[in-house]
PDB file of N, CA and C in Angstrom:
ATOM      1  N   UNK A   1     -33.576  32.182 -30.307  1.00  0.00           N
ATOM      2  CA  UNK A   1     -32.821  31.731 -29.932  1.00  0.00           C
ATOM      3  C   UNK A   1     -33.237  30.781 -28.737  1.00  0.00           C
ATOM      4  N   UNK A   2     -32.341  30.035 -28.369  1.00  0.00           N
ATOM      5  CA  UNK A   2     -32.544  28.858 -27.506  1.00  0.00           C
ATOM      6  C   UNK A   2     -31.837  28.634 -26.276  1.00  0.00           C
ATOM      7  N   UNK A   3     -31.911  28.318 -25.122  1.00  0.00           N
ATOM      8  CA  UNK A   3     -30.941  28.160 -24.098  1.00  0.00           C
ATOM      9  C   UNK A   3     -30.845  26.673 -23.737  1.00  0.00           C
ATOM     10  N   UNK A   4     -29.572  26.236 -23.367  1.00  0.00           N
ATOM     11  CA  UNK A   4     -29.599  24.920 -23.360  1.00  0.00           C
ATOM     12  C   UNK A   4     -28.517  25.065 -21.937  1.00  0.00           C
ATOM     13  N   UNK A   5     -29.020  24.117 -21.013  1.00  0.00           N
ATOM     14  CA  UNK A   5     -28.257  24.096 -19.678  1.00  0.00           C
ATOM     15  C   UNK A   5     -27.276  22.869 -19.571  1.00  0.00           C
ATOM     16  N   UNK A   6     -26.279  22.695 -19.189  1.00  0.00           N
ATOM     17  CA  UNK A   6     -25.562  21.705 -18.873  1.00  0.00           C
ATOM     18  C   UNK A   6     -25.070  21.695 -17.215  1.00  0.00           C
ATOM     19  N   UNK A   7     -25.686  20.919 -16.617  1.00  0.00           N
ATOM     20  CA  UNK A   7     -25.207  20.781 -15.269  1.00  0.00           C
ATOM     21  C   UNK A   7     -24.140  19.660 -15.051  1.00  0.00           C
ATOM     22  N   UNK A   8     -23.338  19.816 -14.169  1.00  0.00           N
ATOM     23  CA  UNK A   8     -22.116  18.945 -14.020  1.00  0.00           C
ATOM     24  C   UNK A   8     -21.908  18.812 -12.760  1.00  0.00           C
ATOM     25  N   UNK A   9     -22.069  17.613 -12.161  1.00  0.00           N
ATOM     26  CA  UNK A   9     -22.031  16.816 -10.724  1.00  0.00           C
ATOM     27  C   UNK A   9     -20.971  16.286 -10.541  1.00  0.00           C
ATOM     28  N   UNK A  10     -20.079  15.905  -9.716  1.00  0.00           N
ATOM     29  CA  UNK A  10     -19.308  14.774  -9.156  1.00  0.00           C
ATOM     30  C   UNK A  10     -20.271  13.496  -9.045  1.00  0.00           C
ATOM     31  N   UNK A  11     -19.336  12.518  -9.144  1.00  0.00           N
ATOM     32  CA  UNK A  11     -20.114  11.331  -9.624  1.00  0.00           C
ATOM     33  C   UNK A  11     -20.814  10.936  -7.843  1.00  0.00           C
ATOM     34  N   UNK A  12     -21.556  10.458  -7.571  1.00  0.00           N
ATOM     35  CA  UNK A  12     -21.608   9.837  -6.392  1.00  0.00           C
ATOM     36  C   UNK A  12     -21.012   9.183  -5.558  1.00  0.00           C
ATOM     37  N   UNK A  13     -19.766   8.700  -5.853  1.00  0.00           N
ATOM     38  CA  UNK A  13     -18.780   7.705  -5.398  1.00  0.00           C
ATOM     39  C   UNK A  13     -17.304   8.595  -5.026  1.00  0.00           C
ATOM     40  N   UNK A  14     -18.004   9.899  -5.522  1.00  0.00           N
ATOM     41  CA  UNK A  14     -16.401  11.021  -5.477  1.00  0.00           C
ATOM     42  C   UNK A  14     -16.827  11.588  -4.369  1.00  0.00           C
ATOM     43  N   UNK A  15     -15.783  11.905  -3.675  1.00  0.00           N
ATOM     44  CA  UNK A  15     -15.928  12.611  -2.021  1.00  0.00           C
ATOM     45  C   UNK A  15     -16.060  14.017  -2.811  1.00  0.00           C
ATOM     46  N   UNK A  16     -16.932  15.113  -1.932  1.00  0.00           N
ATOM     47  CA  UNK A  16     -17.517  16.590  -2.180  1.00  0.00           C
ATOM     48  C   UNK A  16     -17.035  17.244  -1.101  1.00  0.00           C
ATOM     49  N   UNK A  17     -15.828  17.447  -0.802  1.00  0.00           N
ATOM     50  CA  UNK A  17     -15.401  18.135   0.403  1.00  0.00           C
ATOM     51  C   UNK A  17     -16.148  19.828   0.566  1.00  0.00           C
ATOM     52  N   UNK A  18     -16.180  20.235  -0.777  1.00  0.00           N
ATOM     53  CA  UNK A  18     -16.986  21.637  -0.740  1.00  0.00           C
ATOM     54  C   UNK A  18     -18.249  21.407  -0.079  1.00  0.00           C
ATOM     55  N   UNK A  19     -19.242  20.179  -0.782  1.00  0.00           N
ATOM     56  CA  UNK A  19     -20.314  20.059  -0.236  1.00  0.00           C
ATOM     57  C   UNK A  19     -20.375  19.450   0.972  1.00  0.00           C
ATOM     58  N   UNK A  20     -19.462  19.340   1.839  1.00  0.00           N
ATOM     59  CA  UNK A  20     -19.491  18.419   3.312  1.00  0.00           C
ATOM     60  C   UNK A  20     -19.352  20.067   3.907  1.00  0.00           C
ATOM     61  N   UNK A  21     -18.369  20.624   3.800  1.00  0.00           N
ATOM     62  CA  UNK A  21     -18.153  22.204   4.484  1.00  0.00           C
ATOM     63  C   UNK A  21     -19.048  22.928   4.365  1.00  0.00           C
ATOM     64  N   UNK A  22     -20.097  22.920   3.336  1.00  0.00           N
ATOM     65  CA  UNK A  22     -21.667  23.626   3.236  1.00  0.00           C
ATOM     66  C   UNK A  22     -22.358  22.910   4.325  1.00  0.00           C
ATOM     67  N   UNK A  23     -22.467  21.534   4.099  1.00  0.00           N
ATOM     68  CA  UNK A  23     -23.360  20.951   4.982  1.00  0.00           C
ATOM     69  C   UNK A  23     -23.154  21.177   6.516  1.00  0.00           C
ATOM     70  N   UNK A  24     -21.937  21.057   6.759  1.00  0.00           N
ATOM     71  CA  UNK A  24     -21.397  21.600   8.578  1.00  0.00           C
ATOM     72  C   UNK A  24     -21.995  22.841   8.612  1.00  0.00           C
ATOM     73  N   UNK A  25     -21.662  23.759   7.724  1.00  0.00           N
ATOM     74  CA  UNK A  25     -21.968  25.336   8.200  1.00  0.00           C
ATOM     75  C   UNK A  25     -23.680  25.600   8.254  1.00  0.00           C
ATOM     76  N   UNK A  26     -24.356  25.082   7.611  1.00  0.00           N
ATOM     77  CA  UNK A  26     -25.884  25.285   7.247  1.00  0.00           C
ATOM     78  C   UNK A  26     -26.235  25.376   8.797  1.00  0.00           C
ATOM     79  N   UNK A  27     -26.115  24.473   9.630  1.00  0.00           N
ATOM     80  CA  UNK A  27     -26.783  24.308  10.963  1.00  0.00           C
ATOM     81  C   UNK A  27     -26.366  25.675  11.764  1.00  0.00           C
ATOM     82  N   UNK A  28     -25.074  25.592  11.425  1.00  0.00           N
ATOM     83  CA  UNK A  28     -24.372  26.823  12.590  1.00  0.00           C
ATOM     84  C   UNK A  28     -25.053  27.987  11.885  1.00  0.00           C
ATOM     85  N   UNK A  29     -25.576  28.256  10.872  1.00  0.00           N
ATOM     86  CA  UNK A  29     -26.594  29.458  10.357  1.00  0.00           C
ATOM     87  C   UNK A  29     -27.790  29.514  10.623  1.00  0.00           C
ATOM     88  N   UNK A  30     -28.228  28.523  11.034  1.00  0.00           N
ATOM     89  CA  UNK A  30     -29.588  28.351  11.440  1.00  0.00           C
ATOM     90  C   UNK A  30     -30.680  27.598  10.460  1.00  0.00           C
ATOM     91  N   UNK A  31     -30.196  27.005   9.471  1.00  0.00           N
ATOM     92  CA  UNK A  31     -30.497  26.025   8.739  1.00  0.00           C
ATOM     93  C   UNK A  31     -30.234  24.873   9.154  1.00  0.00           C
ATOM     94  N   UNK A  32     -31.209  24.138   9.712  1.00  0.00           N
ATOM     95  CA  UNK A  32     -31.326  22.679   9.936  1.00  0.00           C
ATOM     96  C   UNK A  32     -32.118  21.878   8.970  1.00  0.00           C
ATOM     97  N   UNK A  33     -32.090  20.116   9.103  1.00  0.00           N
ATOM     98  CA  UNK A  33     -32.500  19.330   8.256  1.00  0.00           C
ATOM     99  C   UNK A  33     -32.010  19.174   7.058  1.00  0.00           C
ATOM    100  N   UNK A  34     -30.647  19.375   6.575  1.00  0.00           N
ATOM    101  CA  UNK A  34     -30.209  19.126   5.618  1.00  0.00           C
ATOM    102  C   UNK A  34     -29.053  17.924   5.286  1.00  0.00           C
ATOM    103  N   UNK A  35     -30.023  16.955   4.642  1.00  0.00           N
ATOM    104  CA  UNK A  35     -29.156  15.495   5.209  1.00  0.00           C
ATOM    105  C   UNK A  35     -27.791  15.646   4.271  1.00  0.00           C
ATOM    106  N   UNK A  36     -27.818  16.249   3.181  1.00  0.00           N
ATOM    107  CA  UNK A  36     -26.589  16.290   2.404  1.00  0.00           C
ATOM    108  C   UNK A  36     -26.555  17.149   1.510  1.00  0.00           C
ATOM    109  N   UNK A  37     -25.003  17.668   0.994  1.00  0.00           N
ATOM    110  CA  UNK A  37     -24.882  18.990   0.167  1.00  0.00           C
ATOM    111  C   UNK A  37     -23.894  18.210  -0.910  1.00  0.00           C
ATOM    112  N   UNK A  38     -24.401  18.631  -2.353  1.00  0.00           N
ATOM    113  CA  UNK A  38     -23.226  18.052  -3.272  1.00  0.00           C
ATOM    114  C   UNK A  38     -23.384  19.547  -4.196  1.00  0.00           C
ATOM    115  N   UNK A  39     -22.146  19.972  -4.130  1.00  0.00           N
ATOM    116  CA  UNK A  39     -21.820  21.131  -5.046  1.00  0.00           C
ATOM    117  C   UNK A  39     -21.499  20.663  -6.491  1.00  0.00           C
ATOM    118  N   UNK A  40     -21.946  21.409  -7.299  1.00  0.00           N
ATOM    119  CA  UNK A  40     -21.689  21.271  -8.786  1.00  0.00           C
ATOM    120  C   UNK A  40     -21.509  22.781  -9.613  1.00  0.00           C
ATOM    121  N   UNK A  41     -21.682  22.652 -11.098  1.00  0.00           N
ATOM    122  CA  UNK A  41     -21.370  23.563 -12.039  1.00  0.00           C
ATOM    123  C   UNK A  41     -22.564  23.505 -12.862  1.00  0.00           C
ATOM    124  N   UNK A  42     -22.644  24.822 -13.426  1.00  0.00           N
ATOM    125  CA  UNK A  42     -24.289  25.041 -14.374  1.00  0.00           C
ATOM    126  C   UNK A  42     -23.494  25.649 -15.195  1.00  0.00           C
ATOM    127  N   UNK A  43     -23.463  25.187 -16.559  1.00  0.00           N
ATOM    128  CA  UNK A  43     -23.049  26.485 -17.725  1.00  0.00           C
ATOM    129  C   UNK A  43     -24.670  26.621 -18.607  1.00  0.00           C
ATOM    130  N   UNK A  44     -24.597  27.681 -19.051  1.00  0.00           N
ATOM    131  CA  UNK A  44     -25.783  28.508 -19.636  1.00  0.00           C
ATOM    132  C   UNK A  44     -25.333  28.373 -20.846  1.00  0.00           C
ATOM    133  N   UNK A  45     -25.929  27.869 -22.056  1.00  0.00           N
ATOM    134  CA  UNK A  45     -25.500  28.392 -23.467  1.00  0.00           C
ATOM    135  C   UNK A  45     -26.812  28.717 -24.307  1.00  0.00           C
ATOM    136  N   UNK A  46     -26.411  29.867 -24.759  1.00  0.00           N
ATOM    137  CA  UNK A  46     -27.378  30.759 -25.627  1.00  0.00           C
ATOM    138  C   UNK A  46     -27.106  30.567 -27.198  1.00  0.00           C
ATOM    139  N   UNK A  47     -28.011  29.401 -27.528  1.00  0.00           N
ATOM    140  CA  UNK A  47     -27.952  29.156 -29.106  1.00  0.00           C
ATOM    141  C   UNK A  47     -28.281  30.135 -30.248  1.00  0.00           C
ATOM    142  N   UNK A  48     -27.784  30.249 -31.273  1.00  0.00           N
ATOM    143  CA  UNK A  48     -28.038  31.182 -32.182  1.00  0.00           C
ATOM    144  C   UNK A  48     -29.116  30.412 -32.976  1.00  0.00           C
ATOM    145  N   UNK A  49     -29.148  29.408 -32.902  1.00  0.00           N
ATOM    146  CA  UNK A  49     -30.652  28.655 -33.740  1.00  0.00           C
ATOM    147  C   UNK A  49     -31.332  27.918 -32.914  1.00  0.00           C
ATOM    148  N   UNK A  50     -32.105  26.931 -33.512  1.00  0.00           N
ATOM    149  CA  UNK A  50     -33.011  26.465 -32.747  1.00  0.00           C
ATOM    150  C   UNK A  50     -32.311  25.152 -31.703  1.00  0.00           C
ATOM    151  N   UNK A  51     -32.793  24.778 -30.851  1.00  0.00           N
ATOM    152  CA  UNK A  51     -32.144  23.835 -29.920  1.00  0.00           C
ATOM    153  C   UNK A  51     -32.740  22.121 -30.327  1.00  0.00           C
ATOM    154  N   UNK A  52     -32.326  21.975 -31.687  1.00  0.00           N
ATOM    155  CA  UNK A  52     -32.607  20.574 -32.397  1.00  0.00           C
ATOM    156  C   UNK A  52     -31.819  19.678 -31.869  1.00  0.00           C
ATOM    157  N   UNK A  53     -31.943  18.594 -32.151  1.00  0.00           N
ATOM    158  CA  UNK A  53     -31.201  17.225 -32.111  1.00  0.00           C
ATOM    159  C   UNK A  53     -29.612  17.456 -32.135  1.00  0.00           C
ATOM    160  N   UNK A  54     -29.559  18.182 -33.327  1.00  0.00           N
ATOM    161  CA  UNK A  54     -28.042  18.694 -33.595  1.00  0.00           C
ATOM    162  C   UNK A  54     -27.333  19.168 -32.647  1.00  0.00           C
ATOM    163  N   UNK A  55     -27.897  20.373 -32.468  1.00  0.00           N
ATOM    164  CA  UNK A  55     -27.405  21.409 -31.027  1.00  0.00           C
ATOM    165  C   UNK A  55     -27.392  20.536 -30.251  1.00  0.00           C
ATOM    166  N   UNK A  56     -28.021  19.993 -29.623  1.00  0.00           N
ATOM    167  CA  UNK A  56     -27.939  19.277 -28.289  1.00  0.00           C
ATOM    168  C   UNK A  56     -26.994  18.239 -28.289  1.00  0.00           C
ATOM    169  N   UNK A  57     -26.700  17.530 -29.384  1.00  0.00           N
ATOM    170  CA  UNK A  57     -25.859  16.569 -29.629  1.00  0.00           C
ATOM    171  C   UNK A  57     -24.172  17.167 -29.425  1.00  0.00           C
ATOM    172  N   UNK A  58     -24.393  18.799 -29.736  1.00  0.00           N
ATOM    173  CA  UNK A  58     -23.133  19.123 -30.082  1.00  0.00           C
ATOM    174  C   UNK A  58     -22.920  20.008 -28.805  1.00  0.00           C
ATOM    175  N   UNK A  59     -23.901  20.333 -27.922  1.00  0.00           N
ATOM    176  CA  UNK A  59     -23.640  20.504 -26.378  1.00  0.00           C
ATOM    177  C   UNK A  59     -23.153  19.389 -25.620  1.00  0.00           C
ATOM    178  N   UNK A  60     -23.660  18.060 -25.949  1.00  0.00           N
ATOM    179  CA  UNK A  60     -23.145  17.089 -24.996  1.00  0.00           C
ATOM    180  C   UNK A  60     -21.609  16.631 -25.601  1.00  0.00           C
ATOM    181  N   UNK A  61     -21.215  17.188 -26.506  1.00  0.00           N
ATOM    182  CA  UNK A  61     -20.021  16.980 -27.196  1.00  0.00           C
ATOM    183  C   UNK A  61     -19.198  17.710 -26.264  1.00  0.00           C
ATOM    184  N   UNK A  62     -19.548  18.901 -25.993  1.00  0.00           N
ATOM    185  CA  UNK A  62     -19.056  20.116 -25.423  1.00  0.00           C
ATOM    186  C   UNK A  62     -18.811  19.603 -24.052  1.00  0.00           C
ATOM    187  N   UNK A  63     -19.707  19.012 -23.221  1.00  0.00           N
ATOM    188  CA  UNK A  63     -19.646  18.936 -21.886  1.00  0.00           C
ATOM    189  C   UNK A  63     -18.717  17.639 -22.106  1.00  0.00           C
ATOM    190  N   UNK A  64     -18.972  16.487 -22.664  1.00  0.00           N
ATOM    191  CA  UNK A  64     -17.927  15.383 -22.337  1.00  0.00           C
ATOM    192  C   UNK A  64     -16.304  15.839 -22.972  1.00  0.00           C
ATOM    193  N   UNK A  65     -16.312  17.140 -23.377  1.00  0.00           N
ATOM    194  CA  UNK A  65     -14.747  16.828 -23.872  1.00  0.00           C
ATOM    195  C   UNK A  65     -13.956  18.134 -23.255  1.00  0.00           C
ATOM    196  N   UNK A  66     -15.095  19.245 -22.610  1.00  0.00           N
ATOM    197  CA  UNK A  66     -14.325  20.161 -22.181  1.00  0.00           C
ATOM    198  C   UNK A  66     -15.069  20.521 -20.518  1.00  0.00           C
ATOM    199  N   UNK A  67     -16.473  20.666 -20.691  1.00  0.00           N
ATOM    200  CA  UNK A  67     -16.686  21.248 -19.441  1.00  0.00           C
ATOM    201  C   UNK A  67     -17.160  20.406 -18.167  1.00  0.00           C
ATOM    202  N   UNK A  68     -16.643  18.860 -18.679  1.00  0.00           N
ATOM    203  CA  UNK A  68     -17.258  17.894 -17.527  1.00  0.00           C
ATOM    204  C   UNK A  68     -15.788  16.814 -17.553  1.00  0.00           C
ATOM    205  N   UNK A  69     -15.334  16.657 -16.273  1.00  0.00           N
ATOM    206  CA  UNK A  69     -14.199  15.832 -16.493  1.00  0.00           C
ATOM    207  C   UNK A  69     -14.758  14.224 -16.029  1.00  0.00           C
ATOM    208  N   UNK A  70     -15.209  13.415 -16.950  1.00  0.00           N
ATOM    209  CA  UNK A  70     -16.049  12.419 -17.469  1.00  0.00           C
ATOM    210  C   UNK A  70     -15.675  11.179 -16.212  1.00  0.00           C
ATOM    211  N   UNK A  71     -14.500  11.325 -15.921  1.00  0.00           N
ATOM    212  CA  UNK A  71     -13.920  10.387 -15.098  1.00  0.00           C
ATOM    213  C   UNK A  71     -14.314  10.495 -13.360  1.00  0.00           C
ATOM    214  N   UNK A  72     -14.630  11.603 -13.184  1.00  0.00           N
ATOM    215  CA  UNK A  72     -14.992  11.822 -12.071  1.00  0.00           C
ATOM    216  C   UNK A  72     -16.290  12.762 -11.848  1.00  0.00           C
ATOM    217  N   UNK A  73     -17.068  13.121 -12.921  1.00  0.00           N
ATOM    218  CA  UNK A  73     -18.386  13.907 -13.120  1.00  0.00           C
ATOM    219  C   UNK A  73     -19.031  13.320 -14.038  1.00  0.00           C
ATOM    220  N   UNK A  74     -20.424  13.640 -13.899  1.00  0.00           N
ATOM    221  CA  UNK A  74     -21.914  13.558 -14.501  1.00  0.00           C
ATOM    222  C   UNK A  74     -21.965  14.320 -15.063  1.00  0.00           C
ATOM    223  N   UNK A  75     -22.802  14.412 -16.356  1.00  0.00           N
ATOM    224  CA  UNK A  75     -23.391  15.718 -16.723  1.00  0.00           C
ATOM    225  C   UNK A  75     -24.993  15.438 -17.479  1.00  0.00           C
ATOM    226  N   UNK A  76     -25.726  16.436 -17.317  1.00  0.00           N
ATOM    227  CA  UNK A  76     -26.870  16.469 -17.842  1.00  0.00           C
ATOM    228  C   UNK A  76     -27.282  17.740 -19.052  1.00  0.00           C
ATOM    229  N   UNK A  77     -27.753  17.312 -20.153  1.00  0.00           N
ATOM    230  CA  UNK A  77     -27.901  18.767 -20.901  1.00  0.00           C
ATOM    231  C   UNK A  77     -29.315  18.511 -20.973  1.00  0.00           C
ATOM    232  N   UNK A  78     -29.694  19.702 -21.320  1.00  0.00           N
ATOM    233  CA  UNK A  78     -31.384  20.086 -21.104  1.00  0.00           C
ATOM    234  C   UNK A  78     -31.679  21.500 -21.679  1.00  0.00           C
ATOM    235  N   UNK A  79     -32.930  21.520 -22.530  1.00  0.00           N
ATOM    236  CA  UNK A  79     -33.411  22.967 -22.918  1.00  0.00           C
ATOM    237  C   UNK A  79     -34.154  23.533 -22.125  1.00  0.00           C
ATOM    238  N   UNK A  80     -33.682  24.944 -21.860  1.00  0.00           N
ATOM    239  CA  UNK A  80     -34.416  25.430 -20.612  1.00  0.00           C
ATOM    240  C   UNK A  80     -35.283  26.827 -21.657  1.00  0.00           C
ATOM    241  N   UNK A  81     -36.350  26.875 -21.182  1.00  0.00           N
ATOM    242  CA  UNK A  81     -37.190  28.383 -21.662  1.00  0.00           C
ATOM    243  C   UNK A  81     -36.346  29.280 -21.647  1.00  0.00           C
ATOM    244  N   UNK A  82     -36.025  29.999 -22.103  1.00  0.00           N
ATOM    245  CA  UNK A  82     -35.254  31.447 -22.197  1.00  0.00           C
ATOM    246  C   UNK A  82     -36.131  32.396 -21.147  1.00  0.00           C
ATOM    247  N   UNK A  83     -37.381  32.313 -20.880  1.00  0.00           N
ATOM    248  CA  UNK A  83     -37.983  32.939 -20.176  1.00  0.00           C
ATOM    249  C   UNK A  83     -38.127  32.439 -18.744  1.00  0.00           C
ATOM    250  N   UNK A  84     -37.965  31.346 -18.387  1.00  0.00           N
ATOM    251  CA  UNK A  84     -37.596  30.458 -16.896  1.00  0.00           C
ATOM    252  C   UNK A  84     -36.868  29.777 -16.896  1.00  0.00           C
ATOM    253  N   UNK A  85     -36.135  30.449 -16.122  1.00  0.00           N
ATOM    254  CA  UNK A  85     -34.812  30.026 -15.679  1.00  0.00           C
ATOM    255  C   UNK A  85     -34.798  29.106 -14.447  1.00  0.00           C
ATOM    256  N   UNK A  86     -36.003  28.907 -13.849  1.00  0.00           N
ATOM    257  CA  UNK A  86     -36.204  27.707 -12.943  1.00  0.00           C
ATOM    258  C   UNK A  86     -35.909  28.576 -11.630  1.00  0.00           C
ATOM    259  N   UNK A  87     -35.145  29.696 -11.331  1.00  0.00           N
ATOM    260  CA  UNK A  87     -35.305  30.333 -10.436  1.00  0.00           C
ATOM    261  C   UNK A  87     -36.517  30.703  -9.524  1.00  0.00           C
ATOM    262  N   UNK A  88     -36.790  30.549  -8.257  1.00  0.00           N
ATOM    263  CA  UNK A  88     -37.513  30.934  -7.288  1.00  0.00           C
ATOM    264  C   UNK A  88     -37.269  31.933  -6.354  1.00  0.00           C
ATOM    265  N   UNK A  89     -36.440  32.767  -6.729  1.00  0.00           N
ATOM    266  CA  UNK A  89     -36.205  34.072  -6.021  1.00  0.00           C
ATOM    267  C   UNK A  89     -34.453  34.189  -5.309  1.00  0.00           C
ATOM    268  N   UNK A  90     -34.189  35.246  -4.897  1.00  0.00           N
ATOM    269  CA  UNK A  90     -32.854  35.488  -4.043  1.00  0.00           C
ATOM    270  C   UNK A  90     -31.938  35.892  -5.296  1.00  0.00           C
ATOM    271  N   UNK A  91     -31.031  36.220  -4.908  1.00  0.00           N
ATOM    272  CA  UNK A  91     -29.791  37.012  -5.787  1.00  0.00           C
ATOM    273  C   UNK A  91     -29.320  36.160  -6.933  1.00  0.00           C
ATOM    274  N   UNK A  92     -28.498  36.752  -7.796  1.00  0.00           N
ATOM    275  CA  UNK A  92     -28.254  36.139  -8.946  1.00  0.00           C
ATOM    276  C   UNK A  92     -27.129  36.518  -9.155  1.00  0.00           C
TER     277      UNK A  92
END
């Protein structure tokens, strides 16, 4: 079984009001030094088979037609080791 991760973010030229609200709130909470915040979406797909080129092409198709609004959002598709989700701690 493989995990494919699709990250969706607003394109750089698109205003991100949620990210701006978070950026303004961070100093009030004692978190200084953050120059910019962009908010996005993350989708994790657990595949029944291997994450081969055909499966990745299908994931890209899902992202392009359903998970992302490609007019205003960009997306990346990658394979993630099921034992390593990139988390460095904190709540999930």
